Amino acid sequence: ISLVGELREKYPHLRCAVLSGHLSPDYVQRALHAGAHGYMVKDNPAGILEGIQHIMNGEVYVSKEVGGTFNDSQTATLPRYRDNPRGSTSNA
């Protein structure tokens, strides 16, 4: 997660995603606050592809396997919105 923050600081327009085995909403929240545009669970190949598509379309993606949900009001103040103010959240 700290690498995401470092990358986003150095390359602000870079789209980053976290691929993880952790299902904790706390991990997701930390990744999003670090600047990740998505959080995907690594044991769901179809979800990874879906997440990449959403992220490339300027959206924020969180795998459906993660228990927490994240809506626009929760993600609107995250750092990545400085370069993508129209970003949206998908919990598909």
N, C-alpha and C. Protein backbone atom coordinates (compact mmCIF):
# COMPACT_ATOMS: atom_id res chain seq x y z
N ILE A 1 0.84 -1.19 0.00
CA ILE A 1 0.00 0.00 0.00
C ILE A 1 0.88 1.25 0.00
N SER A 2 1.98 1.20 0.73
CA SER A 2 2.87 2.37 0.75
C SER A 2 3.48 2.62 -0.63
N LEU A 3 3.73 1.56 -1.41
CA LEU A 3 4.25 1.72 -2.76
C LEU A 3 3.26 2.48 -3.64
N VAL A 4 1.97 2.22 -3.48
CA VAL A 4 0.95 2.95 -4.24
C VAL A 4 1.07 4.45 -3.97
N GLY A 5 1.21 4.81 -2.71
CA GLY A 5 1.35 6.22 -2.35
C GLY A 5 2.59 6.85 -2.98
N GLU A 6 3.70 6.12 -2.94
CA GLU A 6 4.94 6.62 -3.53
C GLU A 6 4.81 6.79 -5.04
N LEU A 7 4.22 5.79 -5.70
CA LEU A 7 4.04 5.87 -7.15
C LEU A 7 3.13 7.02 -7.55
N ARG A 8 2.04 7.17 -6.82
CA ARG A 8 1.08 8.24 -7.15
C ARG A 8 1.68 9.62 -6.89
N GLU A 9 2.55 9.71 -5.89
CA GLU A 9 3.20 10.98 -5.61
C GLU A 9 4.17 11.34 -6.73
N LYS A 10 4.91 10.36 -7.21
CA LYS A 10 5.90 10.60 -8.27
C LYS A 10 5.25 10.72 -9.65
N TYR A 11 4.21 9.93 -9.88
CA TYR A 11 3.50 9.89 -11.17
C TYR A 11 2.01 10.09 -10.92
N PRO A 12 1.55 11.32 -10.73
CA PRO A 12 0.16 11.57 -10.32
C PRO A 12 -0.91 11.07 -11.29
N HIS A 13 -0.59 10.91 -12.55
CA HIS A 13 -1.60 10.46 -13.51
C HIS A 13 -1.60 8.95 -13.69
N LEU A 14 -0.73 8.26 -12.99
CA LEU A 14 -0.64 6.81 -13.07
C LEU A 14 -1.86 6.18 -12.40
N ARG A 15 -2.47 5.22 -13.07
CA ARG A 15 -3.59 4.48 -12.48
C ARG A 15 -3.01 3.26 -11.78
N CYS A 16 -3.32 3.11 -10.51
CA CYS A 16 -2.81 2.01 -9.70
C CYS A 16 -3.95 1.15 -9.19
N ALA A 17 -3.69 -0.13 -9.11
CA ALA A 17 -4.65 -1.05 -8.52
C ALA A 17 -3.91 -1.96 -7.55
N VAL A 18 -4.60 -2.38 -6.52
CA VAL A 18 -4.04 -3.32 -5.57
C VAL A 18 -4.67 -4.68 -5.82
N LEU A 19 -3.84 -5.68 -5.97
CA LEU A 19 -4.29 -7.06 -6.14
C LEU A 19 -3.90 -7.78 -4.86
N SER A 20 -4.87 -8.27 -4.11
CA SER A 20 -4.60 -8.77 -2.77
C SER A 20 -5.44 -10.00 -2.43
N GLY A 21 -5.02 -10.68 -1.41
CA GLY A 21 -5.80 -11.78 -0.87
C GLY A 21 -6.57 -11.38 0.37
N HIS A 22 -6.35 -10.15 0.84
CA HIS A 22 -7.03 -9.65 2.03
C HIS A 22 -8.43 -9.14 1.68
N LEU A 23 -9.41 -9.58 2.45
CA LEU A 23 -10.79 -9.18 2.22
C LEU A 23 -11.26 -8.10 3.19
N SER A 24 -10.38 -7.62 4.02
CA SER A 24 -10.74 -6.64 5.03
C SER A 24 -11.03 -5.27 4.42
N PRO A 25 -12.19 -4.69 4.76
CA PRO A 25 -12.48 -3.33 4.28
C PRO A 25 -11.42 -2.32 4.72
N ASP A 26 -10.73 -2.60 5.83
CA ASP A 26 -9.67 -1.70 6.28
C ASP A 26 -8.53 -1.64 5.26
N TYR A 27 -8.16 -2.77 4.70
CA TYR A 27 -7.12 -2.80 3.66
C TYR A 27 -7.56 -2.00 2.44
N VAL A 28 -8.82 -2.18 2.08
CA VAL A 28 -9.35 -1.46 0.91
C VAL A 28 -9.29 0.04 1.17
N GLN A 29 -9.76 0.47 2.32
CA GLN A 29 -9.78 1.89 2.66
C GLN A 29 -8.36 2.45 2.64
N ARG A 30 -7.41 1.73 3.20
CA ARG A 30 -6.02 2.18 3.21
C ARG A 30 -5.47 2.29 1.78
N ALA A 31 -5.79 1.32 0.94
CA ALA A 31 -5.31 1.34 -0.45
C ALA A 31 -5.90 2.53 -1.21
N LEU A 32 -7.19 2.76 -1.03
CA LEU A 32 -7.84 3.88 -1.72
C LEU A 32 -7.29 5.22 -1.24
N HIS A 33 -7.06 5.34 0.05
CA HIS A 33 -6.51 6.58 0.58
C HIS A 33 -5.06 6.79 0.14
N ALA A 34 -4.35 5.71 -0.14
CA ALA A 34 -2.98 5.82 -0.64
C ALA A 34 -2.95 6.27 -2.10
N GLY A 35 -4.11 6.17 -2.78
CA GLY A 35 -4.18 6.62 -4.17
C GLY A 35 -4.54 5.54 -5.16
N ALA A 36 -4.82 4.33 -4.69
CA ALA A 36 -5.21 3.25 -5.62
C ALA A 36 -6.55 3.57 -6.27
N HIS A 37 -6.67 3.21 -7.51
CA HIS A 37 -7.93 3.38 -8.25
C HIS A 37 -8.79 2.12 -8.15
N GLY A 38 -8.22 1.06 -7.60
CA GLY A 38 -8.98 -0.16 -7.47
C GLY A 38 -8.35 -1.12 -6.49
N TYR A 39 -9.18 -2.04 -6.02
CA TYR A 39 -8.75 -3.08 -5.10
C TYR A 39 -9.42 -4.36 -5.55
N MET A 40 -8.59 -5.31 -6.00
CA MET A 40 -9.13 -6.55 -6.55
C MET A 40 -8.60 -7.75 -5.79
N VAL A 41 -9.45 -8.76 -5.64
CA VAL A 41 -9.09 -9.99 -4.95
C VAL A 41 -8.44 -10.93 -5.96
N LYS A 42 -7.26 -11.44 -5.60
CA LYS A 42 -6.45 -12.17 -6.57
C LYS A 42 -6.99 -13.55 -6.95
N ASP A 43 -7.91 -14.12 -6.20
CA ASP A 43 -8.42 -15.44 -6.56
C ASP A 43 -9.68 -15.36 -7.43
N ASN A 44 -9.93 -14.21 -8.04
CA ASN A 44 -11.07 -14.03 -8.94
C ASN A 44 -10.59 -13.43 -10.26
N PRO A 45 -10.11 -14.28 -11.20
CA PRO A 45 -9.58 -13.77 -12.47
C PRO A 45 -10.57 -12.91 -13.25
N ALA A 46 -11.83 -13.28 -13.27
CA ALA A 46 -12.84 -12.48 -13.99
C ALA A 46 -13.00 -11.12 -13.33
N GLY A 47 -12.93 -11.08 -12.01
CA GLY A 47 -13.04 -9.81 -11.29
C GLY A 47 -11.84 -8.91 -11.54
N ILE A 48 -10.67 -9.51 -11.73
CA ILE A 48 -9.48 -8.72 -12.03
C ILE A 48 -9.64 -8.04 -13.38
N LEU A 49 -10.08 -8.79 -14.37
CA LEU A 49 -10.30 -8.22 -15.70
C LEU A 49 -11.36 -7.13 -15.64
N GLU A 50 -12.45 -7.38 -14.93
CA GLU A 50 -13.52 -6.38 -14.80
C GLU A 50 -12.98 -5.12 -14.11
N GLY A 51 -12.19 -5.33 -13.06
CA GLY A 51 -11.62 -4.19 -12.35
C GLY A 51 -10.71 -3.35 -13.23
N ILE A 52 -9.87 -3.99 -14.01
CA ILE A 52 -8.99 -3.25 -14.91
C ILE A 52 -9.80 -2.44 -15.91
N GLN A 53 -10.86 -3.01 -16.43
CA GLN A 53 -11.71 -2.29 -17.38
C GLN A 53 -12.33 -1.05 -16.73
N HIS A 54 -12.84 -1.20 -15.52
CA HIS A 54 -13.43 -0.06 -14.81
C HIS A 54 -12.39 1.02 -14.55
N ILE A 55 -11.23 0.61 -14.09
CA ILE A 55 -10.16 1.56 -13.77
C ILE A 55 -9.71 2.31 -15.02
N MET A 56 -9.58 1.62 -16.14
CA MET A 56 -9.18 2.26 -17.39
C MET A 56 -10.25 3.21 -17.91
N ASN A 57 -11.49 3.01 -17.48
CA ASN A 57 -12.59 3.92 -17.84
C ASN A 57 -12.72 5.08 -16.86
N GLY A 58 -11.76 5.22 -15.95
CA GLY A 58 -11.77 6.35 -15.03
C GLY A 58 -12.58 6.13 -13.77
N GLU A 59 -12.96 4.90 -13.51
CA GLU A 59 -13.76 4.60 -12.33
C GLU A 59 -12.90 4.01 -11.21
N VAL A 60 -13.46 4.00 -10.04
CA VAL A 60 -12.85 3.32 -8.90
C VAL A 60 -13.53 1.96 -8.79
N TYR A 61 -12.74 0.90 -8.65
CA TYR A 61 -13.30 -0.44 -8.59
C TYR A 61 -12.88 -1.13 -7.31
N VAL A 62 -13.84 -1.75 -6.63
CA VAL A 62 -13.59 -2.56 -5.45
C VAL A 62 -14.27 -3.90 -5.69
N SER A 63 -13.49 -4.99 -5.58
CA SER A 63 -14.05 -6.33 -5.81
C SER A 63 -15.26 -6.59 -4.94
N LYS A 64 -16.23 -7.27 -5.50
CA LYS A 64 -17.47 -7.56 -4.77
C LYS A 64 -17.22 -8.50 -3.58
N GLU A 65 -16.12 -9.23 -3.59
CA GLU A 65 -15.82 -10.14 -2.48
C GLU A 65 -15.50 -9.40 -1.19
N VAL A 66 -15.13 -8.15 -1.30
CA VAL A 66 -14.78 -7.36 -0.12
C VAL A 66 -16.07 -6.95 0.58
N GLY A 67 -16.12 -7.16 1.88
CA GLY A 67 -17.34 -6.91 2.64
C GLY A 67 -17.80 -5.46 2.68
N GLY A 68 -16.86 -4.52 2.65
CA GLY A 68 -17.23 -3.11 2.72
C GLY A 68 -17.70 -2.57 1.39
N THR A 69 -18.48 -1.54 1.42
CA THR A 69 -18.91 -0.86 0.20
C THR A 69 -18.42 0.57 0.25
N PHE A 70 -18.13 1.12 -0.91
CA PHE A 70 -17.56 2.45 -0.99
C PHE A 70 -18.32 3.22 -2.06
N ASN A 71 -18.98 4.30 -1.64
CA ASN A 71 -19.77 5.08 -2.59
C ASN A 71 -19.07 6.40 -2.92
N ASP A 72 -19.65 7.17 -3.83
CA ASP A 72 -19.02 8.41 -4.29
C ASP A 72 -18.74 9.38 -3.16
N SER A 73 -19.65 9.50 -2.19
CA SER A 73 -19.42 10.45 -1.11
C SER A 73 -18.24 10.02 -0.24
N GLN A 74 -17.99 8.72 -0.14
CA GLN A 74 -16.86 8.23 0.65
C GLN A 74 -15.54 8.38 -0.10
N THR A 75 -15.56 8.33 -1.41
CA THR A 75 -14.32 8.36 -2.18
C THR A 75 -14.04 9.71 -2.81
N ALA A 76 -14.95 10.66 -2.74
CA ALA A 76 -14.80 11.93 -3.43
C ALA A 76 -13.60 12.74 -2.97
N THR A 77 -13.17 12.56 -1.74
CA THR A 77 -12.07 13.35 -1.23
C THR A 77 -10.72 12.65 -1.33
N LEU A 78 -10.69 11.49 -1.91
CA LEU A 78 -9.43 10.75 -2.01
C LEU A 78 -8.48 11.45 -2.99
N PRO A 79 -7.19 11.32 -2.79
CA PRO A 79 -6.20 12.05 -3.59
C PRO A 79 -6.32 11.89 -5.10
N ARG A 80 -6.67 10.71 -5.57
CA ARG A 80 -6.71 10.49 -7.02
C ARG A 80 -7.75 11.35 -7.72
N TYR A 81 -8.74 11.88 -6.99
CA TYR A 81 -9.77 12.68 -7.62
C TYR A 81 -9.26 14.04 -8.08
N ARG A 82 -8.06 14.39 -7.69
CA ARG A 82 -7.50 15.64 -8.20
C ARG A 82 -7.29 15.56 -9.71
N ASP A 83 -6.97 14.38 -10.23
CA ASP A 83 -6.75 14.26 -11.66
C ASP A 83 -7.92 13.57 -12.36
N ASN A 84 -8.94 13.15 -11.62
CA ASN A 84 -10.10 12.50 -12.22
C ASN A 84 -11.35 12.85 -11.43
N PRO A 85 -11.83 14.09 -11.52
CA PRO A 85 -12.97 14.51 -10.69
C PRO A 85 -14.27 13.81 -11.03
N ARG A 86 -14.36 13.14 -12.16
CA ARG A 86 -15.61 12.47 -12.51
C ARG A 86 -15.59 11.00 -12.16
N GLY A 87 -14.59 10.55 -11.45
CA GLY A 87 -14.50 9.14 -11.10
C GLY A 87 -15.73 8.65 -10.36
N SER A 88 -16.05 7.40 -10.52
CA SER A 88 -17.19 6.83 -9.81
C SER A 88 -16.75 5.53 -9.18
N THR A 89 -17.62 4.98 -8.38
CA THR A 89 -17.31 3.75 -7.69
C THR A 89 -18.19 2.63 -8.23
N SER A 90 -17.58 1.48 -8.39
CA SER A 90 -18.32 0.30 -8.81
C SER A 90 -18.03 -0.82 -7.84
N ASN A 91 -19.07 -1.48 -7.39
CA ASN A 91 -18.91 -2.65 -6.53
C ASN A 91 -19.46 -3.86 -7.24
N ALA A 92 -19.31 -3.89 -8.55
CA ALA A 92 -19.87 -4.97 -9.38
C ALA A 92 -19.34 -6.30 -8.99
